[in-house]
Every structure is written in structure tokens, then in C-alpha cells.
PDB file of all heavy atoms in Angstrom:
ATOM      1  N   PHE A   1     -15.349  -0.284 -18.729  1.00  0.00           N
ATOM      2  CA  PHE A   1     -14.011  -0.876 -18.913  1.00  0.00           C
ATOM      3  C   PHE A   1     -14.069  -1.979 -20.130  1.00  0.00           C
ATOM      4  O   PHE A   1     -14.909  -2.846 -20.109  1.00  0.00           O
ATOM      5  CB  PHE A   1     -13.493  -1.569 -17.755  1.00  0.00           C
ATOM      6  CG  PHE A   1     -13.200  -0.567 -16.561  1.00  0.00           C
ATOM      7  CD1 PHE A   1     -14.154  -0.207 -15.726  1.00  0.00           C
ATOM      8  CD2 PHE A   1     -11.912   0.118 -16.495  1.00  0.00           C
ATOM      9  CE1 PHE A   1     -13.939   0.725 -14.619  1.00  0.00           C
ATOM     10  CE2 PHE A   1     -11.721   1.020 -15.602  1.00  0.00           C
ATOM     11  CZ  PHE A   1     -12.769   1.298 -14.566  1.00  0.00           C
ATOM     12  N   GLU A   2     -13.124  -1.914 -20.957  1.00  0.00           N
ATOM     13  CA  GLU A   2     -13.090  -2.763 -22.050  1.00  0.00           C
ATOM     14  C   GLU A   2     -11.530  -3.289 -22.347  1.00  0.00           C
ATOM     15  O   GLU A   2     -10.645  -2.427 -22.455  1.00  0.00           O
ATOM     16  CB  GLU A   2     -13.513  -2.097 -23.303  1.00  0.00           C
ATOM     17  CG  GLU A   2     -13.490  -3.042 -24.601  1.00  0.00           C
ATOM     18  CD  GLU A   2     -13.919  -2.360 -25.744  1.00  0.00           C
ATOM     19  OE1 GLU A   2     -14.603  -1.486 -25.805  1.00  0.00           O
ATOM     20  OE2 GLU A   2     -13.378  -2.817 -27.009  1.00  0.00           O
ATOM     21  N   LEU A   3     -11.335  -4.518 -22.242  1.00  0.00           N
ATOM     22  CA  LEU A   3     -10.002  -5.158 -22.359  1.00  0.00           C
ATOM     23  C   LEU A   3     -10.014  -5.808 -23.881  1.00  0.00           C
ATOM     24  O   LEU A   3     -10.779  -6.618 -24.163  1.00  0.00           O
ATOM     25  CB  LEU A   3      -9.781  -6.156 -21.357  1.00  0.00           C
ATOM     26  CG  LEU A   3      -9.757  -5.786 -19.964  1.00  0.00           C
ATOM     27  CD1 LEU A   3      -9.723  -6.786 -18.851  1.00  0.00           C
ATOM     28  CD2 LEU A   3      -8.723  -4.699 -19.702  1.00  0.00           C
ATOM     29  N   THR A   4      -8.998  -5.318 -24.470  1.00  0.00           N
ATOM     30  CA  THR A   4      -8.683  -5.915 -25.783  1.00  0.00           C
ATOM     31  C   THR A   4      -7.237  -6.134 -26.052  1.00  0.00           C
ATOM     32  O   THR A   4      -6.341  -5.149 -26.049  1.00  0.00           O
ATOM     33  CB  THR A   4      -9.118  -4.856 -26.983  1.00  0.00           C
ATOM     34  OG1 THR A   4     -10.570  -4.485 -26.687  1.00  0.00           O
ATOM     35  CG2 THR A   4      -9.080  -5.547 -28.354  1.00  0.00           C
ATOM     36  N   GLY A   5      -6.728  -7.339 -26.073  1.00  0.00           N
ATOM     37  CA  GLY A   5      -5.317  -7.534 -26.192  1.00  0.00           C
ATOM     38  C   GLY A   5      -4.514  -6.957 -25.093  1.00  0.00           C
ATOM     39  O   GLY A   5      -4.888  -7.169 -23.812  1.00  0.00           O
ATOM     40  N   LEU A   6      -3.581  -6.050 -25.340  1.00  0.00           N
ATOM     41  CA  LEU A   6      -2.899  -5.510 -24.262  1.00  0.00           C
ATOM     42  C   LEU A   6      -3.396  -4.090 -23.873  1.00  0.00           C
ATOM     43  O   LEU A   6      -2.825  -3.337 -23.164  1.00  0.00           O
ATOM     44  CB  LEU A   6      -1.416  -5.246 -24.837  1.00  0.00           C
ATOM     45  CG  LEU A   6      -0.631  -6.508 -25.049  1.00  0.00           C
ATOM     46  CD1 LEU A   6       0.748  -6.283 -25.676  1.00  0.00           C
ATOM     47  CD2 LEU A   6      -0.492  -7.369 -23.714  1.00  0.00           C
ATOM     48  N   SER A   7      -4.651  -3.745 -24.395  1.00  0.00           N
ATOM     49  CA  SER A   7      -5.192  -2.514 -24.060  1.00  0.00           C
ATOM     50  C   SER A   7      -6.332  -2.438 -23.190  1.00  0.00           C
ATOM     51  O   SER A   7      -7.112  -3.394 -22.979  1.00  0.00           O
ATOM     52  CB  SER A   7      -5.832  -1.866 -25.389  1.00  0.00           C
ATOM     53  OG  SER A   7      -4.722  -1.619 -26.333  1.00  0.00           O
ATOM     54  N   LEU A   8      -6.346  -1.290 -22.429  1.00  0.00           N
ATOM     55  CA  LEU A   8      -7.459  -1.023 -21.400  1.00  0.00           C
ATOM     56  C   LEU A   8      -8.118   0.248 -21.812  1.00  0.00           C
ATOM     57  O   LEU A   8      -7.552   1.230 -21.825  1.00  0.00           O
ATOM     58  CB  LEU A   8      -6.918  -0.957 -20.018  1.00  0.00           C
ATOM     59  CG  LEU A   8      -7.843  -0.420 -18.901  1.00  0.00           C
ATOM     60  CD1 LEU A   8      -9.060  -1.343 -18.691  1.00  0.00           C
ATOM     61  CD2 LEU A   8      -7.104  -0.075 -17.556  1.00  0.00           C
ATOM     62  N   LYS A   9      -9.416   0.208 -22.085  1.00  0.00           N
ATOM     63  CA  LYS A   9     -10.121   1.335 -22.605  1.00  0.00           C
ATOM     64  C   LYS A   9     -11.156   1.583 -21.556  1.00  0.00           C
ATOM     65  O   LYS A   9     -11.806   0.881 -21.068  1.00  0.00           O
ATOM     66  CB  LYS A   9     -10.948   0.985 -23.868  1.00  0.00           C
ATOM     67  CG  LYS A   9     -11.681   2.163 -24.451  1.00  0.00           C
ATOM     68  CD  LYS A   9     -12.419   1.759 -25.682  1.00  0.00           C
ATOM     69  CE  LYS A   9     -13.278   2.830 -26.212  1.00  0.00           C
ATOM     70  NZ  LYS A   9     -14.009   2.381 -27.526  1.00  0.00           N
ATOM     71  N   ILE A  10     -11.141   2.902 -21.082  1.00  0.00           N
ATOM     72  CA  ILE A  10     -12.116   3.460 -20.053  1.00  0.00           C
ATOM     73  C   ILE A  10     -12.965   4.484 -20.770  1.00  0.00           C
ATOM     74  O   ILE A  10     -12.564   5.515 -21.364  1.00  0.00           O
ATOM     75  CB  ILE A  10     -11.381   4.055 -18.781  1.00  0.00           C
ATOM     76  CG1 ILE A  10     -10.406   3.084 -18.248  1.00  0.00           C
ATOM     77  CG2 ILE A  10     -12.380   4.548 -17.846  1.00  0.00           C
ATOM     78  CD1 ILE A  10      -9.498   3.769 -17.186  1.00  0.00           C
ATOM     79  N   THR A  11     -14.413   4.272 -20.767  1.00  0.00           N
ATOM     80  CA  THR A  11     -15.130   5.079 -21.367  1.00  0.00           C
ATOM     81  C   THR A  11     -15.750   6.028 -20.195  1.00  0.00           C
ATOM     82  O   THR A  11     -16.050   5.478 -19.090  1.00  0.00           O
ATOM     83  CB  THR A  11     -16.324   4.360 -21.981  1.00  0.00           C
ATOM     84  OG1 THR A  11     -15.781   3.378 -22.837  1.00  0.00           O
ATOM     85  CG2 THR A  11     -17.468   5.229 -22.701  1.00  0.00           C
ATOM     86  N   ASN A  12     -15.990   7.271 -20.483  1.00  0.00           N
ATOM     87  CA  ASN A  12     -16.511   8.209 -19.536  1.00  0.00           C
ATOM     88  C   ASN A  12     -15.723   8.250 -18.264  1.00  0.00           C
ATOM     89  O   ASN A  12     -16.257   7.917 -17.217  1.00  0.00           O
ATOM     90  CB  ASN A  12     -18.006   7.995 -19.278  1.00  0.00           C
ATOM     91  CG  ASN A  12     -18.646   9.054 -18.434  1.00  0.00           C
ATOM     92  OD1 ASN A  12     -18.226  10.127 -18.339  1.00  0.00           O
ATOM     93  ND2 ASN A  12     -19.734   8.689 -17.695  1.00  0.00           N
ATOM     94  N   VAL A  13     -14.427   8.568 -18.379  1.00  0.00           N
ATOM     95  CA  VAL A  13     -13.483   8.627 -17.345  1.00  0.00           C
ATOM     96  C   VAL A  13     -14.106   9.301 -16.188  1.00  0.00           C
ATOM     97  O   VAL A  13     -14.598  10.637 -16.316  1.00  0.00           O
ATOM     98  CB  VAL A  13     -12.139   9.097 -17.697  1.00  0.00           C
ATOM     99  CG1 VAL A  13     -11.108   9.324 -16.504  1.00  0.00           C
ATOM    100  CG2 VAL A  13     -11.524   8.159 -18.805  1.00  0.00           C
ATOM    101  N   GLN A  14     -14.012   8.808 -14.832  1.00  0.00           N
ATOM    102  CA  GLN A  14     -14.492   9.514 -13.746  1.00  0.00           C
ATOM    103  C   GLN A  14     -13.229   9.780 -12.755  1.00  0.00           C
ATOM    104  O   GLN A  14     -12.151   9.092 -12.970  1.00  0.00           O
ATOM    105  CB  GLN A  14     -15.377   8.549 -12.931  1.00  0.00           C
ATOM    106  CG  GLN A  14     -16.639   8.194 -13.800  1.00  0.00           C
ATOM    107  CD  GLN A  14     -17.450   9.430 -14.171  1.00  0.00           C
ATOM    108  OE1 GLN A  14     -17.779  10.092 -13.264  1.00  0.00           O
ATOM    109  NE2 GLN A  14     -17.768   9.491 -15.389  1.00  0.00           N
ATOM    110  N   LEU A  15     -13.485  10.792 -11.966  1.00  0.00           N
ATOM    111  CA  LEU A  15     -12.287  11.097 -10.881  1.00  0.00           C
ATOM    112  C   LEU A  15     -11.874   9.885 -10.189  1.00  0.00           C
ATOM    113  O   LEU A  15     -10.630   9.850  -9.991  1.00  0.00           O
ATOM    114  CB  LEU A  15     -12.872  12.313  -9.968  1.00  0.00           C
ATOM    115  CG  LEU A  15     -12.995  13.491 -10.647  1.00  0.00           C
ATOM    116  CD1 LEU A  15     -13.544  14.460  -9.577  1.00  0.00           C
ATOM    117  CD2 LEU A  15     -11.802  14.187 -11.206  1.00  0.00           C
ATOM    118  N   ASN A  16     -12.793   8.892  -9.783  1.00  0.00           N
ATOM    119  CA  ASN A  16     -12.350   7.837  -9.061  1.00  0.00           C
ATOM    120  C   ASN A  16     -11.556   6.777  -9.827  1.00  0.00           C
ATOM    121  O   ASN A  16     -11.056   5.721  -9.398  1.00  0.00           O
ATOM    122  CB  ASN A  16     -13.422   7.192  -8.261  1.00  0.00           C
ATOM    123  CG  ASN A  16     -14.602   6.490  -9.151  1.00  0.00           C
ATOM    124  OD1 ASN A  16     -14.430   6.793 -10.312  1.00  0.00           O
ATOM    125  ND2 ASN A  16     -15.445   5.992  -8.540  1.00  0.00           N
ATOM    126  N   ASP A  17     -11.524   7.099 -11.079  1.00  0.00           N
ATOM    127  CA  ASP A  17     -10.704   6.107 -12.026  1.00  0.00           C
ATOM    128  C   ASP A  17      -9.229   6.480 -11.894  1.00  0.00           C
ATOM    129  O   ASP A  17      -8.215   5.679 -12.450  1.00  0.00           O
ATOM    130  CB  ASP A  17     -11.082   6.234 -13.546  1.00  0.00           C
ATOM    131  CG  ASP A  17     -12.464   5.829 -13.705  1.00  0.00           C
ATOM    132  OD1 ASP A  17     -12.920   4.773 -13.051  1.00  0.00           O
ATOM    133  OD2 ASP A  17     -13.114   6.292 -14.774  1.00  0.00           O
ATOM    134  N   ALA A  18      -8.870   7.614 -11.388  1.00  0.00           N
ATOM    135  CA  ALA A  18      -7.482   7.920 -11.098  1.00  0.00           C
ATOM    136  C   ALA A  18      -6.793   6.980 -10.248  1.00  0.00           C
ATOM    137  O   ALA A  18      -7.392   6.412  -9.372  1.00  0.00           O
ATOM    138  CB  ALA A  18      -7.323   9.478 -10.560  1.00  0.00           C
ATOM    139  N   GLY A  19      -5.549   6.710 -10.500  1.00  0.00           N
ATOM    140  CA  GLY A  19      -4.684   5.688  -9.802  1.00  0.00           C
ATOM    141  C   GLY A  19      -3.805   5.005 -10.592  1.00  0.00           C
ATOM    142  O   GLY A  19      -3.591   5.338 -11.771  1.00  0.00           O
ATOM    143  N   THR A  20      -3.164   4.004 -10.087  1.00  0.00           N
ATOM    144  CA  THR A  20      -2.167   3.266 -10.782  1.00  0.00           C
ATOM    145  C   THR A  20      -2.835   1.889 -11.113  1.00  0.00           C
ATOM    146  O   THR A  20      -3.434   1.201 -10.279  1.00  0.00           O
ATOM    147  CB  THR A  20      -1.025   2.971  -9.787  1.00  0.00           C
ATOM    148  OG1 THR A  20      -0.390   4.224  -9.535  1.00  0.00           O
ATOM    149  CG2 THR A  20       0.067   2.048 -10.510  1.00  0.00           C
ATOM    150  N   TYR A  21      -2.663   1.360 -12.296  1.00  0.00           N
ATOM    151  CA  TYR A  21      -3.084   0.124 -12.905  1.00  0.00           C
ATOM    152  C   TYR A  21      -1.928  -0.635 -13.254  1.00  0.00           C
ATOM    153  O   TYR A  21      -0.842  -0.273 -13.616  1.00  0.00           O
ATOM    154  CB  TYR A  21      -3.926   0.489 -14.067  1.00  0.00           C
ATOM    155  CG  TYR A  21      -5.303   1.194 -13.829  1.00  0.00           C
ATOM    156  CD1 TYR A  21      -5.199   2.502 -13.687  1.00  0.00           C
ATOM    157  CD2 TYR A  21      -6.331   0.613 -13.845  1.00  0.00           C
ATOM    158  CE1 TYR A  21      -6.436   3.233 -13.393  1.00  0.00           C
ATOM    159  CE2 TYR A  21      -7.636   1.178 -13.519  1.00  0.00           C
ATOM    160  CZ  TYR A  21      -7.536   2.610 -13.292  1.00  0.00           C
ATOM    161  OH  TYR A  21      -8.735   3.152 -13.043  1.00  0.00           O
ATOM    162  N   GLU A  22      -2.053  -1.905 -13.041  1.00  0.00           N
ATOM    163  CA  GLU A  22      -1.086  -2.895 -13.194  1.00  0.00           C
ATOM    164  C   GLU A  22      -1.405  -3.802 -14.382  1.00  0.00           C
ATOM    165  O   GLU A  22      -2.505  -4.271 -14.312  1.00  0.00           O
ATOM    166  CB  GLU A  22      -0.875  -3.809 -11.941  1.00  0.00           C
ATOM    167  CG  GLU A  22       0.205  -4.859 -12.117  1.00  0.00           C
ATOM    168  CD  GLU A  22       0.385  -5.629 -10.873  1.00  0.00           C
ATOM    169  OE1 GLU A  22      -0.488  -5.556  -9.934  1.00  0.00           O
ATOM    170  OE2 GLU A  22       1.120  -6.694 -10.904  1.00  0.00           O
ATOM    171  N   CYS A  23      -0.568  -3.941 -15.402  1.00  0.00           N
ATOM    172  CA  CYS A  23      -0.794  -4.795 -16.481  1.00  0.00           C
ATOM    173  C   CYS A  23       0.068  -6.025 -16.120  1.00  0.00           C
ATOM    174  O   CYS A  23       1.467  -5.956 -16.186  1.00  0.00           O
ATOM    175  CB  CYS A  23      -0.413  -4.124 -17.758  1.00  0.00           C
ATOM    176  SG  CYS A  23      -0.266  -5.254 -19.146  1.00  0.00           S
ATOM    177  N   ARG A  24      -0.416  -7.161 -15.736  1.00  0.00           N
ATOM    178  CA  ARG A  24       0.317  -8.260 -15.182  1.00  0.00           C
ATOM    179  C   ARG A  24       0.498  -9.333 -16.172  1.00  0.00           C
ATOM    180  O   ARG A  24      -0.525 -10.045 -16.582  1.00  0.00           O
ATOM    181  CB  ARG A  24      -0.357  -8.800 -13.864  1.00  0.00           C
ATOM    182  CG  ARG A  24       0.588  -9.846 -13.169  1.00  0.00           C
ATOM    183  CD  ARG A  24      -0.308 -10.362 -11.846  1.00  0.00           C
ATOM    184  NE  ARG A  24      -0.474  -9.209 -10.946  1.00  0.00           N
ATOM    185  CZ  ARG A  24      -1.253  -9.373  -9.799  1.00  0.00           C
ATOM    186  NH1 ARG A  24      -1.780 -10.555  -9.559  1.00  0.00           N
ATOM    187  NH2 ARG A  24      -1.301  -8.383  -9.016  1.00  0.00           N
ATOM    188  N   GLY A  25       1.736  -9.799 -16.588  1.00  0.00           N
ATOM    189  CA  GLY A  25       1.936 -10.893 -17.255  1.00  0.00           C
ATOM    190  C   GLY A  25       2.490 -12.100 -16.525  1.00  0.00           C
ATOM    191  O   GLY A  25       2.490 -11.907 -15.250  1.00  0.00           O
ATOM    192  N   VAL A  26       2.993 -13.117 -17.150  1.00  0.00           N
ATOM    193  CA  VAL A  26       3.387 -14.257 -16.270  1.00  0.00           C
ATOM    194  C   VAL A  26       4.697 -13.873 -15.529  1.00  0.00           C
ATOM    195  O   VAL A  26       4.801 -14.194 -14.319  1.00  0.00           O
ATOM    196  CB  VAL A  26       3.859 -15.479 -17.213  1.00  0.00           C
ATOM    197  CG1 VAL A  26       4.470 -16.541 -16.466  1.00  0.00           C
ATOM    198  CG2 VAL A  26       2.535 -15.964 -18.018  1.00  0.00           C
ATOM    199  N   SER A  27       5.716 -13.014 -16.162  1.00  0.00           N
ATOM    200  CA  SER A  27       7.039 -12.868 -15.406  1.00  0.00           C
ATOM    201  C   SER A  27       7.387 -11.368 -15.418  1.00  0.00           C
ATOM    202  O   SER A  27       8.349 -10.994 -14.915  1.00  0.00           O
ATOM    203  CB  SER A  27       8.081 -13.658 -16.124  1.00  0.00           C
ATOM    204  OG  SER A  27       8.302 -13.264 -17.401  1.00  0.00           O
ATOM    205  N   LYS A  28       6.406 -10.589 -16.093  1.00  0.00           N
ATOM    206  CA  LYS A  28       6.591  -9.132 -16.146  1.00  0.00           C
ATOM    207  C   LYS A  28       5.456  -8.339 -15.926  1.00  0.00           C
ATOM    208  O   LYS A  28       4.316  -8.787 -16.264  1.00  0.00           O
ATOM    209  CB  LYS A  28       7.412  -8.688 -17.545  1.00  0.00           C
ATOM    210  CG  LYS A  28       8.702  -9.379 -17.769  1.00  0.00           C
ATOM    211  CD  LYS A  28       9.304  -8.956 -19.107  1.00  0.00           C
ATOM    212  CE  LYS A  28      10.602  -9.492 -19.347  1.00  0.00           C
ATOM    213  NZ  LYS A  28      11.144  -9.191 -20.626  1.00  0.00           N
ATOM    214  N   ARG A  29       5.655  -7.068 -15.310  1.00  0.00           N
ATOM    215  CA  ARG A  29       4.399  -6.268 -15.142  1.00  0.00           C
ATOM    216  C   ARG A  29       4.842  -4.821 -15.527  1.00  0.00           C
ATOM    217  O   ARG A  29       5.947  -4.486 -15.591  1.00  0.00           O
ATOM    218  CB  ARG A  29       4.153  -6.138 -13.640  1.00  0.00           C
ATOM    219  CG  ARG A  29       3.806  -7.501 -13.155  1.00  0.00           C
ATOM    220  CD  ARG A  29       3.460  -7.575 -11.667  1.00  0.00           C
ATOM    221  NE  ARG A  29       3.313  -8.977 -11.216  1.00  0.00           N
ATOM    222  CZ  ARG A  29       3.083  -9.303 -10.009  1.00  0.00           C
ATOM    223  NH1 ARG A  29       3.189  -8.427  -9.053  1.00  0.00           N
ATOM    224  NH2 ARG A  29       2.854 -10.601  -9.658  1.00  0.00           N
ATOM    225  N   ARG A  30       3.778  -4.185 -15.818  1.00  0.00           N
ATOM    226  CA  ARG A  30       3.991  -2.615 -16.230  1.00  0.00           C
ATOM    227  C   ARG A  30       2.895  -1.988 -15.508  1.00  0.00           C
ATOM    228  O   ARG A  30       1.746  -2.440 -15.241  1.00  0.00           O
ATOM    229  CB  ARG A  30       3.779  -2.433 -17.700  1.00  0.00           C
ATOM    230  CG  ARG A  30       3.671  -0.905 -17.906  1.00  0.00           C
ATOM    231  CD  ARG A  30       3.758  -0.484 -19.399  1.00  0.00           C
ATOM    232  NE  ARG A  30       5.216  -0.102 -19.588  1.00  0.00           N
ATOM    233  CZ  ARG A  30       5.686  -0.191 -20.789  1.00  0.00           C
ATOM    234  NH1 ARG A  30       5.031  -0.366 -21.910  1.00  0.00           N
ATOM    235  NH2 ARG A  30       6.889   0.091 -20.884  1.00  0.00           N
ATOM    236  N   TYR A  31       3.282  -0.822 -14.866  1.00  0.00           N
ATOM    237  CA  TYR A  31       2.433  -0.048 -14.232  1.00  0.00           C
ATOM    238  C   TYR A  31       2.040   1.291 -14.868  1.00  0.00           C
ATOM    239  O   TYR A  31       2.956   1.806 -15.467  1.00  0.00           O
ATOM    240  CB  TYR A  31       2.966   0.407 -12.803  1.00  0.00           C
ATOM    241  CG  TYR A  31       3.199  -0.914 -11.877  1.00  0.00           C
ATOM    242  CD1 TYR A  31       4.403  -1.621 -12.026  1.00  0.00           C
ATOM    243  CD2 TYR A  31       2.178  -1.278 -11.060  1.00  0.00           C
ATOM    244  CE1 TYR A  31       4.651  -2.815 -11.257  1.00  0.00           C
ATOM    245  CE2 TYR A  31       2.362  -2.430 -10.232  1.00  0.00           C
ATOM    246  CZ  TYR A  31       3.408  -3.180 -10.441  1.00  0.00           C
ATOM    247  OH  TYR A  31       3.706  -4.387  -9.720  1.00  0.00           O
ATOM    248  N   LEU A  32       0.790   1.663 -14.903  1.00  0.00           N
ATOM    249  CA  LEU A  32       0.331   2.963 -15.539  1.00  0.00           C
ATOM    250  C   LEU A  32      -0.333   3.718 -14.580  1.00  0.00           C
ATOM    251  O   LEU A  32      -1.353   3.180 -14.079  1.00  0.00           O
ATOM    252  CB  LEU A  32      -0.505   2.501 -16.772  1.00  0.00           C
ATOM    253  CG  LEU A  32       0.152   1.901 -17.914  1.00  0.00           C
ATOM    254  CD1 LEU A  32      -0.354   0.547 -18.126  1.00  0.00           C
ATOM    255  CD2 LEU A  32       0.210   2.584 -19.138  1.00  0.00           C
ATOM    256  N   THR A  33      -0.002   5.008 -14.356  1.00  0.00           N
ATOM    257  CA  THR A  33      -0.629   5.893 -13.439  1.00  0.00           C
ATOM    258  C   THR A  33      -1.654   6.893 -14.139  1.00  0.00           C
ATOM    259  O   THR A  33      -0.986   7.446 -15.049  1.00  0.00           O
ATOM    260  CB  THR A  33       0.312   6.616 -12.512  1.00  0.00           C
ATOM    261  OG1 THR A  33       1.089   5.681 -11.712  1.00  0.00           O
ATOM    262  CG2 THR A  33      -0.415   7.523 -11.465  1.00  0.00           C
ATOM    263  N   ILE A  34      -2.806   6.884 -13.934  1.00  0.00           N
ATOM    264  CA  ILE A  34      -3.686   7.692 -14.639  1.00  0.00           C
ATOM    265  C   ILE A  34      -4.200   8.874 -13.667  1.00  0.00           C
ATOM    266  O   ILE A  34      -4.594   8.515 -12.581  1.00  0.00           O
ATOM    267  CB  ILE A  34      -4.984   6.857 -15.113  1.00  0.00           C
ATOM    268  CG1 ILE A  34      -4.492   5.847 -16.148  1.00  0.00           C
ATOM    269  CG2 ILE A  34      -5.952   7.783 -15.752  1.00  0.00           C
ATOM    270  CD1 ILE A  34      -5.693   4.941 -16.553  1.00  0.00           C
ATOM    271  N   TYR A  35      -3.838  10.040 -14.215  1.00  0.00           N
ATOM    272  CA  TYR A  35      -4.342  11.369 -13.554  1.00  0.00           C
ATOM    273  C   TYR A  35      -5.591  11.824 -14.227  1.00  0.00           C
ATOM    274  O   TYR A  35      -5.620  11.684 -15.395  1.00  0.00           O
ATOM    275  CB  TYR A  35      -3.216  12.342 -13.485  1.00  0.00           C
ATOM    276  CG  TYR A  35      -1.935  11.887 -12.829  1.00  0.00           C
ATOM    277  CD1 TYR A  35      -0.933  11.382 -13.469  1.00  0.00           C
ATOM    278  CD2 TYR A  35      -1.982  12.118 -11.414  1.00  0.00           C
ATOM    279  CE1 TYR A  35       0.230  11.000 -12.758  1.00  0.00           C
ATOM    280  CE2 TYR A  35      -0.712  11.792 -10.748  1.00  0.00           C
ATOM    281  CZ  TYR A  35       0.372  11.223 -11.448  1.00  0.00           C
ATOM    282  OH  TYR A  35       1.478  10.809 -10.730  1.00  0.00           O
ATOM    283  N   VAL A  36      -6.653  12.157 -13.505  1.00  0.00           N
ATOM    284  CA  VAL A  36      -7.694  12.749 -14.196  1.00  0.00           C
ATOM    285  C   VAL A  36      -8.038  14.234 -13.759  1.00  0.00           C
ATOM    286  O   VAL A  36      -8.094  14.599 -12.539  1.00  0.00           O
ATOM    287  CB  VAL A  36      -8.984  11.790 -13.656  1.00  0.00           C
ATOM    288  CG1 VAL A  36     -10.249  12.380 -14.295  1.00  0.00           C
ATOM    289  CG2 VAL A  36      -8.828  10.346 -13.886  1.00  0.00           C
ATOM    290  N   ASN A  37      -8.124  14.931 -14.928  1.00  0.00           N
ATOM    291  CA  ASN A  37      -8.454  16.379 -14.703  1.00  0.00           C
ATOM    292  C   ASN A  37      -9.910  16.570 -14.488  1.00  0.00           C
ATOM    293  O   ASN A  37     -10.846  16.171 -15.254  1.00  0.00           O
ATOM    294  CB  ASN A  37      -8.014  17.108 -15.866  1.00  0.00           C
ATOM    295  CG  ASN A  37      -6.442  17.198 -16.039  1.00  0.00           C
ATOM    296  OD1 ASN A  37      -5.717  17.397 -15.143  1.00  0.00           O
ATOM    297  ND2 ASN A  37      -6.070  17.147 -17.245  1.00  0.00           N
ATOM    298  N   ASP A  38     -10.321  17.367 -13.395  1.00  0.00           N
ATOM    299  CA  ASP A  38     -11.682  17.777 -13.140  1.00  0.00           C
ATOM    300  C   ASP A  38     -12.017  18.778 -14.127  1.00  0.00           C
ATOM    301  O   ASP A  38     -11.486  19.941 -13.862  1.00  0.00           O
ATOM    302  CB  ASP A  38     -11.856  18.148 -11.599  1.00  0.00           C
ATOM    303  CG  ASP A  38     -13.267  18.286 -11.323  1.00  0.00           C
ATOM    304  OD1 ASP A  38     -14.230  18.174 -12.039  1.00  0.00           O
ATOM    305  OD2 ASP A  38     -13.540  18.941 -10.163  1.00  0.00           O
ATOM    306  N   VAL A  39     -12.836  18.684 -15.085  1.00  0.00           N
ATOM    307  CA  VAL A  39     -13.184  19.772 -16.072  1.00  0.00           C
ATOM    308  C   VAL A  39     -14.554  20.327 -15.866  1.00  0.00           C
ATOM    309  O   VAL A  39     -15.419  19.782 -15.061  1.00  0.00           O
ATOM    310  CB  VAL A  39     -13.132  19.264 -17.550  1.00  0.00           C
ATOM    311  CG1 VAL A  39     -11.705  18.968 -17.847  1.00  0.00           C
ATOM    312  CG2 VAL A  39     -13.939  17.896 -17.688  1.00  0.00           C
TER     313      VAL A  39
END
């Protein structure tokens, strides 16, 4: 995992990385749900 500013970079994505991530600021939040395809 690498955090740069407002970005979250995941290297070598794994199945257990699937799920919802919260980007939390002082008074606002954004949720990002990541689905992972098993290839």
C-alpha cells in the first residue's frame, strides 16, 4: 500500500483486498468499494 496525497495505490492486488475503503477527512468522507476479479 502506498498513500500519496488523496491517492491509495495497491500493488499486486489480492482477493482479500476486495471491500470498502474509507477516505476520511475532517468533516467529509468518501467510500470506495473495490471488487477483485480472480484471474
